[in-house]
Structure formats: structure tokens, C-alpha cells
Amino acid sequence: MLETIKDFFTLEMIYQFANIGVIPLWLLIIFFPSSKITQVLVNNLFIPFILALTYGYLAFEQIYPSGAFENLIKKDPLDVLNNFRLYLGLDELMSLMDNTLFVLIFWIHFLTLSLFLGVWIANDAIRLNIHRYIVMFPLILTYFSGPVGLFLYLFLRLLIAQKLKLHE
């Protein structure tokens, strides 16, 4: 079954589905953060579940490429540690960027976390009664560059709501 899924969903198709799939959610978060449709479509576990399932499938394919189940049985379990070589240095990370599957895993990771962060920012702004027009720019920045958008939101949150705690 896993081989059939692999044949049907190419890496390019997964990339396109992931990119196109999050755009409507981001538009809802940015322009209609407190609407019922946003609450139903974005504030649930379905989208993170789908992204996590995709991430898990791709990570499995990275660790056990081609003939996944045969390799799972035959492969030396310690060889899996080779997949974590990106932590050894920047050159190692750059060498992994030549691997299309690894880049796609990285991209799904980025999309998932930036979407989660965008939802948190929107919900936090609603909770603190920060006007949605003020939060639009930090949300757009969060979509393109998560940490920069988060920084701007926290700065605006400090100025407007005068709340910046290290814990909630």
C-alpha cells in the first residue's frame, strides 16, 4: 500500500498540495481571524494532523527509501543516525539540501510551524482585543518569515496591550 501511495503522490505533487493547501488558511487567519469559518477550519487538529502525517510519511521515505518495508527489515538500525548529520555543521546541512526529499520534509516542517504560529498570533490578538488590522502585517511576515513576524507581533503586543510575559 505504501508503494502505491508513493507512486500516486509524487514529491512535486506533495509540494504543490502543501503550498496551495495552506494559502486559504492563511487568508482566513489574516483577513477574518475571528469568523466562525476560521475557527472551524483553522482552529482544529485536522490540518496539523494532515501535515504531520505527510511529514511522517516523507521522513519514513527519507530513512527507508525505495522498498520501504524490505529496507526496514534489512537495514542496520544504527544507520538511521546518518540522517541526523545536519547537526554536525553548516556544511553537512548544505549537503542535505541537495536531497529533494529532505528539502520537502524541511518545507513541510516550516509550513506546519509557521501556520501554528500564525494561528497562535491571531488567537492571542483576539484574546487581548488587539485590532485585526494591526495584526495583519505581523501575520503576513509570519507566513514568509516566522521569527520576524513573531518578533513584530510581540513588540506590538507590548506597545498596545502592554503585556509581554514569559509564560501565560
Protein backbone atom coordinates (compact mmCIF):
# COMPACT_ATOMS: atom_id res chain seq x y z
CA MET A 1 0.00 0.00 0.00
CA LEU A 2 2.82 2.41 0.85
CA GLU A 3 4.38 1.81 -2.56
CA THR A 4 1.05 2.64 -4.25
CA ILE A 5 0.83 5.89 -2.29
CA LYS A 6 4.41 6.70 -3.28
CA ASP A 7 3.61 6.14 -6.96
CA PHE A 8 0.49 8.29 -6.78
CA PHE A 9 1.82 11.21 -4.72
CA THR A 10 5.00 12.47 -6.32
CA LEU A 11 7.22 14.84 -4.37
CA GLU A 12 6.23 17.69 -6.67
CA MET A 13 2.53 16.94 -6.10
CA ILE A 14 3.00 16.88 -2.32
CA TYR A 15 4.88 20.18 -2.51
CA GLN A 16 2.11 21.81 -4.56
CA PHE A 17 -0.69 20.44 -2.34
CA ALA A 18 1.07 21.66 0.81
CA ASN A 19 1.75 25.13 -0.58
CA ILE A 20 -1.67 25.64 -2.11
CA GLY A 21 -3.38 24.00 0.86
CA VAL A 22 -2.13 26.45 3.47
CA ILE A 23 -2.81 29.64 1.47
CA PRO A 24 -6.60 29.69 2.08
CA LEU A 25 -5.96 29.07 5.76
CA TRP A 26 -3.53 31.98 5.93
CA LEU A 27 -6.00 34.24 4.13
CA LEU A 28 -8.65 33.33 6.70
CA ILE A 29 -6.23 33.96 9.58
CA ILE A 30 -5.10 37.32 8.18
CA PHE A 31 -8.41 38.78 6.98
CA PHE A 32 -11.07 37.01 9.08
CA PRO A 33 -9.36 35.89 12.30
CA SER A 34 -12.48 35.83 14.48
CA SER A 35 -15.00 34.45 11.98
CA LYS A 36 -16.74 31.14 12.59
CA ILE A 37 -15.35 29.61 9.39
CA THR A 38 -11.81 30.45 10.51
CA GLN A 39 -12.47 28.91 13.90
CA VAL A 40 -13.83 25.73 12.28
CA LEU A 41 -11.22 25.33 9.52
CA VAL A 42 -8.10 26.62 11.25
CA ASN A 43 -8.56 26.09 14.98
CA ASN A 44 -8.82 22.33 14.85
CA LEU A 45 -6.44 19.41 14.71
CA PHE A 46 -7.28 18.26 11.18
CA ILE A 47 -4.76 20.42 9.27
CA PRO A 48 -1.86 19.80 11.69
CA PHE A 49 -2.76 16.09 11.57
CA ILE A 50 -2.60 16.03 7.74
CA LEU A 51 0.69 17.95 7.72
CA ALA A 52 2.11 15.70 10.44
CA LEU A 53 1.02 12.60 8.53
CA THR A 54 2.68 13.95 5.38
CA TYR A 55 5.81 14.83 7.34
CA GLY A 56 5.92 11.36 8.89
CA TYR A 57 5.47 9.66 5.53
CA LEU A 58 8.25 11.74 3.95
CA ALA A 59 10.57 11.20 6.92
CA PHE A 60 9.95 7.46 6.66
CA GLU A 61 10.81 7.60 2.95
CA GLN A 62 13.98 9.54 3.79
CA ILE A 63 15.11 6.97 6.33
CA TYR A 64 13.95 3.88 4.40
CA PRO A 65 13.99 4.77 0.68
CA SER A 66 12.62 2.51 -2.10
CA GLY A 67 11.15 -0.72 -0.93
CA ALA A 68 10.40 0.68 2.49
CA PHE A 69 9.36 -2.50 4.23
CA GLU A 70 12.20 -4.60 2.85
CA ASN A 71 14.70 -1.95 3.90
CA LEU A 72 13.05 -1.67 7.31
CA ILE A 73 13.80 -5.33 7.93
CA LYS A 74 17.28 -5.40 6.34
CA LYS A 75 18.66 -2.00 7.34
CA ASP A 76 21.03 -1.59 10.24
CA PRO A 77 19.11 0.41 12.89
CA LEU A 78 22.21 2.42 13.75
CA ASP A 79 22.40 3.67 10.15
CA VAL A 80 19.33 5.81 10.86
CA LEU A 81 21.64 8.10 12.83
CA ASN A 82 23.22 9.05 9.50
CA ASN A 83 20.03 11.02 8.76
CA PHE A 84 20.78 13.37 11.65
CA ARG A 85 24.12 14.52 10.29
CA LEU A 86 22.75 18.02 9.67
CA TYR A 87 23.58 18.81 13.31
CA LEU A 88 27.29 18.32 12.69
CA GLY A 89 27.79 21.65 10.93
CA LEU A 90 26.55 24.03 8.29
CA ASP A 91 28.38 22.16 5.51
CA GLU A 92 26.52 18.98 6.45
CA LEU A 93 23.20 20.84 6.33
CA MET A 94 24.06 22.27 2.91
CA SER A 95 24.90 18.80 1.60
CA LEU A 96 21.46 17.61 2.70
CA MET A 97 19.85 20.45 0.75
CA ASP A 98 20.85 18.61 -2.44
CA ASN A 99 18.34 15.92 -1.46
CA THR A 100 14.87 16.82 -2.83
CA LEU A 101 13.09 14.66 -0.27
CA PHE A 102 14.94 16.31 2.61
CA VAL A 103 14.10 19.80 1.29
CA LEU A 104 10.43 18.82 1.06
CA ILE A 105 10.49 17.48 4.63
CA PHE A 106 12.09 20.76 5.72
CA TRP A 107 9.44 22.75 3.83
CA ILE A 108 6.52 20.81 5.38
CA HIS A 109 8.14 21.43 8.77
CA PHE A 110 8.32 25.17 8.02
CA LEU A 111 4.72 25.35 6.75
CA THR A 112 3.39 23.49 9.78
CA LEU A 113 5.19 25.59 12.35
CA SER A 114 4.53 28.93 10.66
CA LEU A 115 0.82 28.07 10.38
CA PHE A 116 0.74 27.08 14.04
CA LEU A 117 2.47 30.35 14.94
CA GLY A 118 0.05 32.37 12.80
CA VAL A 119 -2.95 30.75 14.50
CA TRP A 120 -1.43 31.48 17.91
CA ILE A 121 -0.79 35.13 17.00
CA ALA A 122 -4.34 35.59 15.68
CA ASN A 123 -5.93 33.94 18.71
CA ASP A 124 -3.71 35.85 21.13
CA ALA A 125 -4.60 39.15 19.45
CA ILE A 126 -8.31 38.31 19.70
CA ARG A 127 -7.90 37.41 23.37
CA LEU A 128 -6.11 40.72 24.08
CA ASN A 129 -8.52 42.78 21.93
CA ILE A 130 -5.77 43.93 19.56
CA HIS A 131 -7.40 45.19 16.37
CA ARG A 132 -7.10 42.78 13.45
CA TYR A 133 -5.70 45.47 11.11
CA ILE A 134 -2.75 45.92 13.45
CA VAL A 135 -2.07 42.18 13.42
CA MET A 136 -2.26 41.78 9.62
CA PHE A 137 1.32 42.81 8.89
CA PRO A 138 2.88 40.59 11.58
CA LEU A 139 0.78 37.69 10.26
CA ILE A 140 1.96 38.28 6.69
CA LEU A 141 5.54 38.43 7.94
CA THR A 142 4.96 35.23 9.90
CA TYR A 143 3.83 33.49 6.71
CA PHE A 144 7.02 34.50 4.91
CA SER A 145 9.46 34.57 7.81
CA GLY A 146 8.09 33.15 11.05
CA PRO A 147 10.52 34.57 13.62
CA VAL A 148 10.39 38.11 12.16
CA GLY A 149 6.58 38.11 12.24
CA LEU A 150 6.60 36.77 15.80
CA PHE A 151 9.06 39.45 16.89
CA LEU A 152 6.95 42.22 15.34
CA TYR A 153 3.76 40.86 16.90
CA LEU A 154 5.35 40.59 20.35
CA PHE A 155 6.68 44.14 20.01
CA LEU A 156 3.23 45.44 19.01
CA ARG A 157 1.65 43.38 21.77
CA LEU A 158 3.95 45.03 24.28
CA LEU A 159 3.09 48.52 22.97
CA ILE A 160 -0.66 48.03 22.57
CA ALA A 161 -1.74 45.52 25.19
CA GLN A 162 1.24 46.20 27.45
CA LYS A 163 1.57 42.50 28.06
CA LEU A 164 4.69 40.54 27.49
CA LYS A 165 5.08 37.56 29.77
CA LEU A 166 7.46 34.66 29.51
CA HIS A 167 4.57 32.38 30.46
CA GLU A 168 0.79 32.51 30.10
